[in-house]
Amino acid sequence: MPLVSRAKKIKALNILCDYFLKRGNIPTPSEFNKDPNRPTSITASIIRGYFGNWGKMQNAISKLRPEDWNQLTVPTTAPKAKPAVKPAVKKEK
């Protein structure tokens, strides 16, 4: 596997992170390749060459841009409300 400079990796990560933020999520590699709106200069095979696999690329984004990573991974739906607790009924003797 050819060595890739840190500057190229960071440039690719910034492009990918901006794309993922516009998209609203991180797609699978096959979804990424099929998406007509993806950055034309980057394919899943280029990511595999730069980072080794898709998961290592995601890990690199989480370290380079943690605030954007949190925005991508935090669910956008509000948590469900817990049902109200009913008071216990005391038995009289």
Protein backbone atom coordinates (compact mmCIF):
# COMPACT_ATOMS: atom_id res chain seq x y z
CA MET A 1 0.00 0.00 0.00
CA PRO A 2 1.47 3.38 -0.97
CA LEU A 3 2.13 5.92 1.76
CA VAL A 4 -0.05 8.99 1.69
CA SER A 5 1.03 12.30 3.17
CA ARG A 6 -0.73 13.68 6.22
CA ALA A 7 -1.68 16.81 4.28
CA LYS A 8 -3.54 14.74 1.65
CA LYS A 9 -5.37 12.81 4.36
CA ILE A 10 -6.44 15.98 6.16
CA LYS A 11 -7.60 17.57 2.90
CA ALA A 12 -9.66 14.47 2.07
CA LEU A 13 -11.11 14.36 5.60
CA ASN A 14 -12.20 18.00 5.43
CA ILE A 15 -13.90 17.43 2.07
CA LEU A 16 -15.60 14.28 3.33
CA CYS A 17 -16.72 15.85 6.60
CA ASP A 18 -18.31 18.80 4.78
CA TYR A 19 -20.09 16.36 2.46
CA PHE A 20 -21.32 14.23 5.37
CA LEU A 21 -22.62 17.32 7.17
CA LYS A 22 -24.58 18.42 4.07
CA ARG A 23 -25.92 14.89 3.71
CA GLY A 24 -26.79 14.63 7.41
CA ASN A 25 -25.26 11.19 8.00
CA ILE A 26 -22.32 8.97 7.13
CA PRO A 27 -23.24 6.57 4.32
CA THR A 28 -21.88 3.09 3.74
CA PRO A 29 -19.08 2.82 1.14
CA SER A 30 -21.47 1.46 -1.50
CA GLU A 31 -24.00 4.26 -0.86
CA PHE A 32 -21.14 6.75 -1.04
CA ASN A 33 -20.00 5.51 -4.47
CA LYS A 34 -23.57 5.52 -5.85
CA ASP A 35 -24.39 9.03 -4.61
CA PRO A 36 -24.33 11.51 -7.52
CA ASN A 37 -23.72 14.42 -5.11
CA ARG A 38 -20.52 13.00 -3.56
CA PRO A 39 -17.22 14.80 -4.04
CA THR A 40 -15.97 13.77 -7.47
CA SER A 41 -12.33 13.70 -6.42
CA ILE A 42 -12.87 11.01 -3.75
CA THR A 43 -14.17 7.45 -4.09
CA ALA A 44 -14.44 4.63 -1.58
CA SER A 45 -11.35 3.00 -3.08
CA ILE A 46 -9.34 6.20 -2.56
CA ILE A 47 -10.50 6.28 1.07
CA ARG A 48 -9.44 2.64 1.43
CA GLY A 49 -6.03 3.54 0.00
CA TYR A 50 -5.59 6.55 2.29
CA PHE A 51 -6.88 5.05 5.55
CA GLY A 52 -7.08 1.28 5.12
CA ASN A 53 -10.83 0.95 5.58
CA TRP A 54 -14.03 2.96 6.10
CA GLY A 55 -13.94 2.64 9.90
CA LYS A 56 -10.43 4.09 10.14
CA MET A 57 -11.60 7.06 8.06
CA GLN A 58 -14.49 7.61 10.48
CA ASN A 59 -12.08 7.39 13.43
CA ALA A 60 -9.82 9.99 11.77
CA ILE A 61 -12.79 12.37 11.31
CA SER A 62 -13.74 11.94 14.98
CA LYS A 63 -10.22 12.99 16.00
CA LEU A 64 -9.75 15.80 13.46
CA ARG A 65 -13.19 17.43 13.78
CA PRO A 66 -14.83 16.19 17.00
CA GLU A 67 -17.61 18.81 17.04
CA ASP A 68 -18.72 17.82 13.53
CA TRP A 69 -18.42 14.13 14.42
CA ASN A 70 -20.76 14.63 17.37
CA GLN A 71 -23.22 16.39 15.09
CA LEU A 72 -23.12 13.46 12.66
CA THR A 73 -23.45 10.68 15.22
CA VAL A 74 -25.94 12.15 17.72
CA PRO A 75 -29.48 11.09 16.85
CA THR A 76 -31.64 14.00 15.70
CA THR A 77 -34.88 12.63 17.18
CA ALA A 78 -35.90 13.70 20.64
CA PRO A 79 -35.78 11.01 23.32
CA LYS A 80 -39.09 9.42 24.22
CA ALA A 81 -40.71 10.70 27.39
CA LYS A 82 -40.82 8.21 30.23
CA PRO A 83 -44.29 7.36 31.56
CA ALA A 84 -45.25 9.10 34.77
CA VAL A 85 -44.72 7.12 37.95
CA LYS A 86 -47.95 6.35 39.78
CA PRO A 87 -47.87 6.86 43.53
CA ALA A 88 -48.02 3.69 45.58
CA VAL A 89 -51.35 2.92 47.20
CA LYS A 90 -51.08 2.29 50.92
CA LYS A 91 -53.21 -0.48 52.36
CA GLU A 92 -55.06 0.34 55.54
CA LYS A 93 -55.32 -2.21 58.34
